[in-house]
Amino acid sequence: MSDPLKITMHPAISSNIAAAGYDAATRTLEIQFSTGHSYRYSDVPKEVYEAMWKAESIGKFVHSNIASKYKYAKVVKVIKK
């Protein structure tokens, strides 16, 4: 089964966060951590996504304002051979 939601990721200047992207139509925020794991957070307002990029520390902002407040699911990438 393929994932119909394609979120454009943007690199982050952070020791914790590698990249992030947002789909406004579904209010879905995807964050790729520096560990390589990615998570999608549901029903995130656009204002929260924009505030994340303006934060002094993106990692601290994600921890305090996103990770503990929105439902999430781990993104599993399937590699076809």
Protein backbone atom coordinates (compact mmCIF):
# COMPACT_ATOMS: atom_id res chain seq x y z
CA MET A 1 0.00 0.00 0.00
CA SER A 2 1.46 3.35 -1.01
CA ASP A 3 1.19 6.54 1.01
CA PRO A 4 -0.92 9.09 -0.90
CA LEU A 5 0.27 12.00 1.25
CA LYS A 6 3.54 13.41 -0.04
CA ILE A 7 4.97 16.05 2.25
CA THR A 8 7.83 18.21 1.00
CA MET A 9 10.54 18.18 3.63
CA HIS A 10 12.77 21.16 4.44
CA PRO A 11 16.14 20.80 6.17
CA ALA A 12 16.36 22.15 9.70
CA ILE A 13 19.31 23.73 11.46
CA SER A 14 19.06 21.68 14.63
CA SER A 15 21.01 18.98 16.43
CA ASN A 16 17.77 17.08 17.07
CA ILE A 17 15.65 17.69 13.97
CA ALA A 18 16.94 16.87 10.48
CA ALA A 19 13.95 18.11 8.46
CA ALA A 20 10.28 18.99 8.66
CA GLY A 21 7.38 19.54 6.32
CA TYR A 22 3.72 20.44 6.53
CA ASP A 23 0.60 19.65 4.53
CA ALA A 24 -1.91 22.45 5.05
CA ALA A 25 -4.84 20.57 3.51
CA THR A 26 -4.63 17.78 6.10
CA ARG A 27 -2.88 19.79 8.87
CA THR A 28 -0.21 17.09 9.00
CA LEU A 29 3.28 17.88 10.25
CA GLU A 30 6.07 15.45 9.45
CA ILE A 31 9.31 15.64 11.39
CA GLN A 32 12.45 13.68 10.63
CA PHE A 33 14.70 13.46 13.65
CA SER A 34 18.49 13.32 13.44
CA THR A 35 18.20 9.61 14.35
CA GLY A 36 16.60 9.06 10.94
CA HIS A 37 13.16 8.26 12.36
CA SER A 38 10.21 10.26 11.06
CA TYR A 39 6.86 10.94 12.68
CA ARG A 40 3.66 12.52 11.42
CA TYR A 41 1.65 14.66 13.81
CA SER A 42 -2.08 15.10 13.17
CA ASP A 43 -4.25 18.19 13.28
CA VAL A 44 -1.37 20.64 13.81
CA PRO A 45 -2.37 24.27 13.11
CA LYS A 46 -0.28 26.06 10.50
CA GLU A 47 0.60 28.69 13.11
CA VAL A 48 2.32 26.02 15.22
CA TYR A 49 4.34 24.84 12.19
CA GLU A 50 5.38 28.42 11.42
CA ALA A 51 6.29 29.10 15.06
CA MET A 52 8.49 25.99 15.06
CA TRP A 53 10.70 27.49 12.32
CA LYS A 54 10.97 30.79 14.21
CA ALA A 55 11.88 29.19 17.54
CA GLU A 56 15.32 29.74 19.01
CA SER A 57 15.61 25.96 19.39
CA ILE A 58 13.53 23.85 17.00
CA GLY A 59 14.18 20.69 19.01
CA LYS A 60 13.01 22.25 22.28
CA PHE A 61 9.97 23.70 20.55
CA VAL A 62 9.01 20.30 19.12
CA HIS A 63 9.46 18.64 22.49
CA SER A 64 7.44 21.27 24.40
CA ASN A 65 4.78 22.26 21.88
CA ILE A 66 4.26 19.38 19.46
CA ALA A 67 5.45 15.94 20.60
CA SER A 68 3.39 15.89 23.77
CA LYS A 69 0.31 17.68 22.41
CA TYR A 70 -0.61 16.07 19.08
CA LYS A 71 -1.39 12.51 18.04
CA TYR A 72 1.39 10.99 15.99
CA ALA A 73 2.37 7.94 13.97
CA LYS A 74 5.81 6.71 13.00
CA VAL A 75 6.51 6.92 9.27
CA VAL A 76 7.61 3.59 7.89
CA LYS A 77 9.41 3.75 4.55
CA VAL A 78 9.03 0.67 2.39
CA ILE A 79 11.91 -0.02 0.06
CA LYS A 80 10.93 -1.93 -3.06
CA LYS A 81 13.47 -4.23 -4.64
